[in-house]
N, C-alpha and C. Protein backbone atom coordinates (compact mmCIF):
# COMPACT_ATOMS: atom_id res chain seq x y z
N MET A 1 0.85 -1.18 0.00
CA MET A 1 0.00 0.00 0.00
C MET A 1 0.89 1.24 0.00
N SER A 2 0.73 2.08 -0.99
CA SER A 2 1.58 3.25 -1.06
C SER A 2 0.96 4.43 -0.31
N ILE A 3 1.81 5.30 0.16
CA ILE A 3 1.40 6.48 0.90
C ILE A 3 1.01 7.56 -0.11
N THR A 4 -0.08 8.28 0.18
CA THR A 4 -0.52 9.36 -0.71
C THR A 4 -0.48 10.70 0.02
N ALA A 5 -0.39 11.76 -0.75
CA ALA A 5 -0.41 13.10 -0.17
C ALA A 5 -1.73 13.34 0.56
N SER A 6 -2.81 12.85 -0.01
CA SER A 6 -4.13 13.01 0.60
C SER A 6 -4.19 12.31 1.96
N ALA A 7 -3.66 11.12 2.03
CA ALA A 7 -3.65 10.39 3.31
C ALA A 7 -2.80 11.12 4.33
N LEU A 8 -1.67 11.64 3.90
CA LEU A 8 -0.81 12.38 4.83
C LEU A 8 -1.51 13.65 5.32
N SER A 9 -2.11 14.40 4.41
CA SER A 9 -2.71 15.68 4.80
C SER A 9 -3.96 15.50 5.64
N SER A 10 -4.53 14.31 5.68
CA SER A 10 -5.71 14.07 6.51
C SER A 10 -5.34 13.76 7.96
N GLN A 11 -4.05 13.57 8.22
CA GLN A 11 -3.58 13.26 9.58
C GLN A 11 -3.24 14.55 10.32
N HIS A 12 -2.92 14.41 11.59
CA HIS A 12 -2.48 15.54 12.40
C HIS A 12 -1.13 15.20 13.02
N CYS A 13 -0.32 16.22 13.21
CA CYS A 13 0.98 16.02 13.85
C CYS A 13 0.77 15.60 15.30
N LYS A 14 1.66 14.72 15.75
CA LYS A 14 1.61 14.23 17.11
C LYS A 14 2.75 14.85 17.91
N PRO A 15 2.51 15.17 19.17
CA PRO A 15 3.59 15.73 19.98
C PRO A 15 4.81 14.81 19.98
N CYS A 16 5.98 15.39 19.84
CA CYS A 16 7.21 14.60 19.84
C CYS A 16 8.25 15.30 20.71
N GLU A 17 8.56 14.68 21.82
CA GLU A 17 9.57 15.22 22.73
C GLU A 17 10.84 14.39 22.68
N GLY A 18 10.98 13.58 21.64
CA GLY A 18 12.13 12.70 21.54
C GLY A 18 11.76 11.30 21.98
N GLY A 19 12.76 10.46 22.06
CA GLY A 19 12.54 9.09 22.51
C GLY A 19 12.04 8.15 21.43
N VAL A 20 11.89 8.66 20.21
CA VAL A 20 11.52 7.79 19.09
C VAL A 20 12.62 7.89 18.03
N ALA A 21 12.77 6.86 17.27
CA ALA A 21 13.83 6.85 16.24
C ALA A 21 13.39 7.68 15.04
N PRO A 22 14.34 8.38 14.42
CA PRO A 22 14.02 9.06 13.16
C PRO A 22 13.63 8.04 12.11
N TYR A 23 12.92 8.49 11.10
CA TYR A 23 12.54 7.62 9.99
C TYR A 23 13.77 7.00 9.35
N THR A 24 13.61 5.78 8.89
CA THR A 24 14.67 5.10 8.14
C THR A 24 14.67 5.62 6.70
N GLY A 25 15.70 5.30 5.97
CA GLY A 25 15.77 5.69 4.56
C GLY A 25 14.57 5.19 3.77
N GLU A 26 14.13 3.97 4.04
CA GLU A 26 12.98 3.41 3.33
C GLU A 26 11.70 4.18 3.67
N GLN A 27 11.50 4.50 4.94
CA GLN A 27 10.31 5.27 5.33
C GLN A 27 10.32 6.65 4.69
N ILE A 28 11.50 7.26 4.63
CA ILE A 28 11.63 8.58 4.01
C ILE A 28 11.27 8.48 2.53
N ARG A 29 11.82 7.51 1.83
CA ARG A 29 11.53 7.35 0.39
C ARG A 29 10.05 7.13 0.14
N GLU A 30 9.42 6.29 0.95
CA GLU A 30 7.99 6.00 0.78
C GLU A 30 7.15 7.26 0.95
N ASN A 31 7.46 8.06 1.96
CA ASN A 31 6.69 9.27 2.22
C ASN A 31 7.01 10.36 1.20
N LEU A 32 8.26 10.49 0.84
CA LEU A 32 8.67 11.52 -0.11
C LEU A 32 8.08 11.28 -1.49
N ALA A 33 7.83 10.02 -1.83
CA ALA A 33 7.22 9.69 -3.12
C ALA A 33 5.84 10.33 -3.27
N ALA A 34 5.17 10.57 -2.15
CA ALA A 34 3.85 11.21 -2.18
C ALA A 34 3.94 12.73 -2.28
N LEU A 35 5.15 13.27 -2.13
CA LEU A 35 5.35 14.72 -2.09
C LEU A 35 6.44 15.11 -3.09
N PRO A 36 6.16 15.04 -4.38
CA PRO A 36 7.20 15.21 -5.40
C PRO A 36 7.87 16.59 -5.44
N ASP A 37 7.26 17.61 -4.86
CA ASP A 37 7.86 18.94 -4.88
C ASP A 37 8.85 19.17 -3.74
N TRP A 38 8.97 18.21 -2.85
CA TRP A 38 9.87 18.32 -1.71
C TRP A 38 11.15 17.54 -2.00
N GLN A 39 12.27 18.07 -1.48
CA GLN A 39 13.57 17.43 -1.68
C GLN A 39 14.17 17.03 -0.34
N LEU A 40 14.82 15.90 -0.34
CA LEU A 40 15.56 15.43 0.82
C LEU A 40 16.93 16.11 0.79
N VAL A 41 17.29 16.78 1.88
CA VAL A 41 18.56 17.51 1.93
C VAL A 41 19.23 17.31 3.29
N GLU A 42 20.40 17.91 3.42
CA GLU A 42 21.17 17.85 4.67
C GLU A 42 21.44 16.41 5.09
N GLY A 43 21.84 15.59 4.12
CA GLY A 43 22.17 14.21 4.43
C GLY A 43 20.99 13.39 4.93
N GLY A 44 19.79 13.77 4.52
CA GLY A 44 18.60 13.03 4.92
C GLY A 44 18.00 13.49 6.23
N LEU A 45 18.45 14.63 6.74
CA LEU A 45 17.94 15.11 8.02
C LEU A 45 16.73 16.02 7.90
N LEU A 46 16.49 16.55 6.69
CA LEU A 46 15.33 17.42 6.53
C LEU A 46 14.82 17.37 5.10
N ILE A 47 13.58 17.86 4.94
CA ILE A 47 13.01 18.01 3.61
C ILE A 47 12.77 19.50 3.36
N ARG A 48 12.88 19.87 2.09
CA ARG A 48 12.83 21.30 1.72
C ARG A 48 11.99 21.47 0.46
N ARG A 49 11.25 22.58 0.45
CA ARG A 49 10.55 22.98 -0.76
C ARG A 49 10.78 24.47 -0.96
N LYS A 50 11.07 24.83 -2.21
CA LYS A 50 11.30 26.23 -2.57
C LYS A 50 10.12 26.74 -3.40
N TYR A 51 9.80 28.01 -3.19
CA TYR A 51 8.70 28.66 -3.88
C TYR A 51 9.17 30.00 -4.44
N LYS A 52 8.58 30.41 -5.55
CA LYS A 52 8.85 31.73 -6.12
C LYS A 52 7.49 32.41 -6.34
N PHE A 53 7.35 33.59 -5.78
CA PHE A 53 6.10 34.33 -5.85
C PHE A 53 6.25 35.56 -6.74
N LYS A 54 5.12 36.14 -7.11
CA LYS A 54 5.15 37.30 -8.00
C LYS A 54 5.69 38.55 -7.31
N ASP A 55 5.53 38.60 -5.98
CA ASP A 55 5.99 39.79 -5.25
C ASP A 55 6.15 39.47 -3.76
N PHE A 56 6.64 40.46 -3.04
CA PHE A 56 6.89 40.32 -1.60
C PHE A 56 5.62 40.02 -0.83
N VAL A 57 4.55 40.74 -1.13
CA VAL A 57 3.29 40.57 -0.40
C VAL A 57 2.76 39.14 -0.56
N SER A 58 2.84 38.60 -1.74
CA SER A 58 2.38 37.22 -1.97
C SER A 58 3.23 36.22 -1.19
N ALA A 59 4.52 36.43 -1.18
CA ALA A 59 5.43 35.54 -0.44
C ALA A 59 5.12 35.61 1.06
N MET A 60 4.94 36.82 1.57
CA MET A 60 4.66 36.97 3.00
C MET A 60 3.30 36.38 3.37
N SER A 61 2.33 36.53 2.50
CA SER A 61 1.00 35.96 2.75
C SER A 61 1.09 34.44 2.86
N PHE A 62 1.84 33.84 1.95
CA PHE A 62 2.03 32.39 1.99
C PHE A 62 2.72 31.97 3.28
N LEU A 63 3.80 32.65 3.64
CA LEU A 63 4.53 32.28 4.85
C LEU A 63 3.67 32.46 6.10
N GLN A 64 2.81 33.46 6.10
CA GLN A 64 1.88 33.65 7.22
C GLN A 64 0.94 32.46 7.34
N LYS A 65 0.41 32.00 6.20
CA LYS A 65 -0.48 30.84 6.20
C LYS A 65 0.25 29.59 6.69
N VAL A 66 1.49 29.42 6.26
CA VAL A 66 2.28 28.28 6.72
C VAL A 66 2.49 28.37 8.23
N GLY A 67 2.79 29.55 8.72
CA GLY A 67 2.98 29.75 10.15
C GLY A 67 1.74 29.42 10.97
N GLU A 68 0.59 29.85 10.47
CA GLU A 68 -0.66 29.56 11.17
C GLU A 68 -0.95 28.06 11.17
N LEU A 69 -0.73 27.40 10.06
CA LEU A 69 -0.91 25.96 9.97
C LEU A 69 0.04 25.23 10.92
N ALA A 70 1.29 25.64 10.91
CA ALA A 70 2.29 25.01 11.77
C ALA A 70 1.92 25.16 13.25
N GLU A 71 1.45 26.32 13.63
CA GLU A 71 1.06 26.55 15.01
C GLU A 71 -0.13 25.66 15.38
N ALA A 72 -1.09 25.55 14.48
CA ALA A 72 -2.26 24.70 14.73
C ALA A 72 -1.86 23.23 14.87
N GLU A 73 -0.86 22.81 14.12
CA GLU A 73 -0.40 21.42 14.16
C GLU A 73 0.62 21.16 15.26
N GLY A 74 1.20 22.21 15.81
CA GLY A 74 2.20 22.04 16.86
C GLY A 74 3.53 21.51 16.34
N HIS A 75 3.80 21.75 15.06
CA HIS A 75 5.06 21.30 14.45
C HIS A 75 5.55 22.46 13.57
N HIS A 76 6.73 22.94 13.86
CA HIS A 76 7.17 24.22 13.31
C HIS A 76 8.36 24.09 12.35
N PRO A 77 8.15 24.50 11.10
CA PRO A 77 9.23 24.44 10.10
C PRO A 77 10.15 25.66 10.22
N ASP A 78 11.28 25.57 9.56
CA ASP A 78 12.12 26.74 9.36
C ASP A 78 11.62 27.42 8.09
N LEU A 79 11.38 28.71 8.17
CA LEU A 79 10.87 29.48 7.04
C LEU A 79 11.90 30.52 6.64
N HIS A 80 12.13 30.65 5.34
CA HIS A 80 13.13 31.59 4.83
C HIS A 80 12.52 32.41 3.70
N LEU A 81 12.79 33.71 3.72
CA LEU A 81 12.38 34.59 2.63
C LEU A 81 13.63 35.31 2.14
N THR A 82 13.94 35.14 0.87
CA THR A 82 15.13 35.79 0.30
C THR A 82 14.74 36.43 -1.03
N GLY A 83 15.53 37.42 -1.43
CA GLY A 83 15.29 38.06 -2.71
C GLY A 83 13.88 38.61 -2.83
N TYR A 84 13.26 38.97 -1.77
CA TYR A 84 11.95 39.58 -1.61
C TYR A 84 10.76 38.74 -2.07
N ARG A 85 11.00 37.66 -2.82
CA ARG A 85 9.87 36.85 -3.28
C ARG A 85 10.16 35.35 -3.36
N HIS A 86 11.27 34.93 -2.82
CA HIS A 86 11.64 33.52 -2.82
C HIS A 86 11.49 32.98 -1.40
N ALA A 87 10.60 32.02 -1.24
CA ALA A 87 10.36 31.42 0.07
C ALA A 87 10.85 29.98 0.06
N THR A 88 11.39 29.56 1.18
CA THR A 88 11.82 28.18 1.36
C THR A 88 11.27 27.69 2.69
N VAL A 89 10.72 26.47 2.66
CA VAL A 89 10.22 25.82 3.87
C VAL A 89 11.07 24.57 4.09
N GLU A 90 11.57 24.43 5.31
CA GLU A 90 12.37 23.26 5.68
C GLU A 90 11.73 22.59 6.88
N LEU A 91 11.64 21.28 6.82
CA LEU A 91 11.02 20.50 7.89
C LEU A 91 11.97 19.43 8.40
N THR A 92 12.04 19.32 9.71
CA THR A 92 12.74 18.27 10.41
C THR A 92 12.13 18.17 11.79
N THR A 93 12.35 17.08 12.47
CA THR A 93 11.88 16.96 13.85
C THR A 93 13.10 17.13 14.74
N HIS A 94 13.24 18.33 15.26
CA HIS A 94 14.43 18.70 16.03
C HIS A 94 14.65 17.78 17.23
N ALA A 95 13.56 17.38 17.88
CA ALA A 95 13.68 16.57 19.10
C ALA A 95 14.33 15.21 18.86
N ILE A 96 14.29 14.72 17.61
CA ILE A 96 14.90 13.42 17.34
C ILE A 96 16.08 13.52 16.37
N GLY A 97 16.37 14.73 15.93
CA GLY A 97 17.52 14.93 15.04
C GLY A 97 17.36 14.30 13.68
N GLY A 98 16.14 14.29 13.16
CA GLY A 98 15.88 13.71 11.84
C GLY A 98 14.43 13.87 11.45
N LEU A 99 14.00 13.05 10.52
CA LEU A 99 12.64 13.16 10.00
C LEU A 99 11.69 12.19 10.70
N SER A 100 10.45 12.65 10.86
CA SER A 100 9.40 11.83 11.45
C SER A 100 8.14 11.97 10.62
N GLU A 101 7.12 11.23 10.99
CA GLU A 101 5.84 11.33 10.31
C GLU A 101 5.34 12.77 10.28
N ASN A 102 5.54 13.51 11.37
CA ASN A 102 5.08 14.89 11.44
C ASN A 102 5.58 15.74 10.28
N ASP A 103 6.81 15.53 9.87
CA ASP A 103 7.38 16.34 8.78
C ASP A 103 6.63 16.12 7.48
N PHE A 104 6.28 14.90 7.21
CA PHE A 104 5.57 14.58 5.97
C PHE A 104 4.10 14.98 6.03
N VAL A 105 3.50 14.86 7.21
CA VAL A 105 2.12 15.31 7.39
C VAL A 105 2.05 16.82 7.16
N LEU A 106 2.95 17.57 7.79
CA LEU A 106 2.92 19.02 7.64
C LEU A 106 3.26 19.43 6.20
N ALA A 107 4.20 18.76 5.57
CA ALA A 107 4.53 19.07 4.17
C ALA A 107 3.30 18.88 3.29
N ALA A 108 2.57 17.80 3.48
CA ALA A 108 1.37 17.54 2.69
C ALA A 108 0.31 18.62 2.94
N LYS A 109 0.19 19.05 4.18
CA LYS A 109 -0.77 20.11 4.50
C LYS A 109 -0.33 21.44 3.89
N ILE A 110 0.97 21.73 3.91
CA ILE A 110 1.48 22.95 3.30
C ILE A 110 1.19 22.94 1.80
N ASP A 111 1.29 21.78 1.19
CA ASP A 111 1.01 21.67 -0.25
C ASP A 111 -0.43 22.03 -0.60
N THR A 112 -1.32 22.02 0.37
CA THR A 112 -2.72 22.37 0.10
C THR A 112 -2.99 23.87 0.20
N ILE A 113 -2.02 24.62 0.69
CA ILE A 113 -2.18 26.08 0.81
C ILE A 113 -2.15 26.70 -0.58
N LYS A 114 -3.12 27.51 -0.86
CA LYS A 114 -3.15 28.23 -2.13
C LYS A 114 -2.14 29.37 -2.06
N ALA A 115 -1.10 29.23 -2.88
CA ALA A 115 -0.01 30.23 -2.85
C ALA A 115 -0.39 31.48 -3.64
């Protein structure tokens, strides 16, 4: 049974204070296959997606929506705005030093935001 973006986005992030193992390479590949716009980076420790907007206001509006979603889910990405209209979202589970289900759930939810 393959993982889908829809299945991921229908879930909610679970509190993680550590004590669980980061996803294995196989788990990462399975989840990432459902999220083709995201890239595995930093030696497999995080996933990243880059966006380009028409202007600063559009980029900031998107990042605000991501921030509100992240707060509602209790899982917080690193957000970057450069060149006034280039946004980057990076996800990792800091408490375990790698990727967890939460990262893929939040990535799938971010993909549903109308940019």
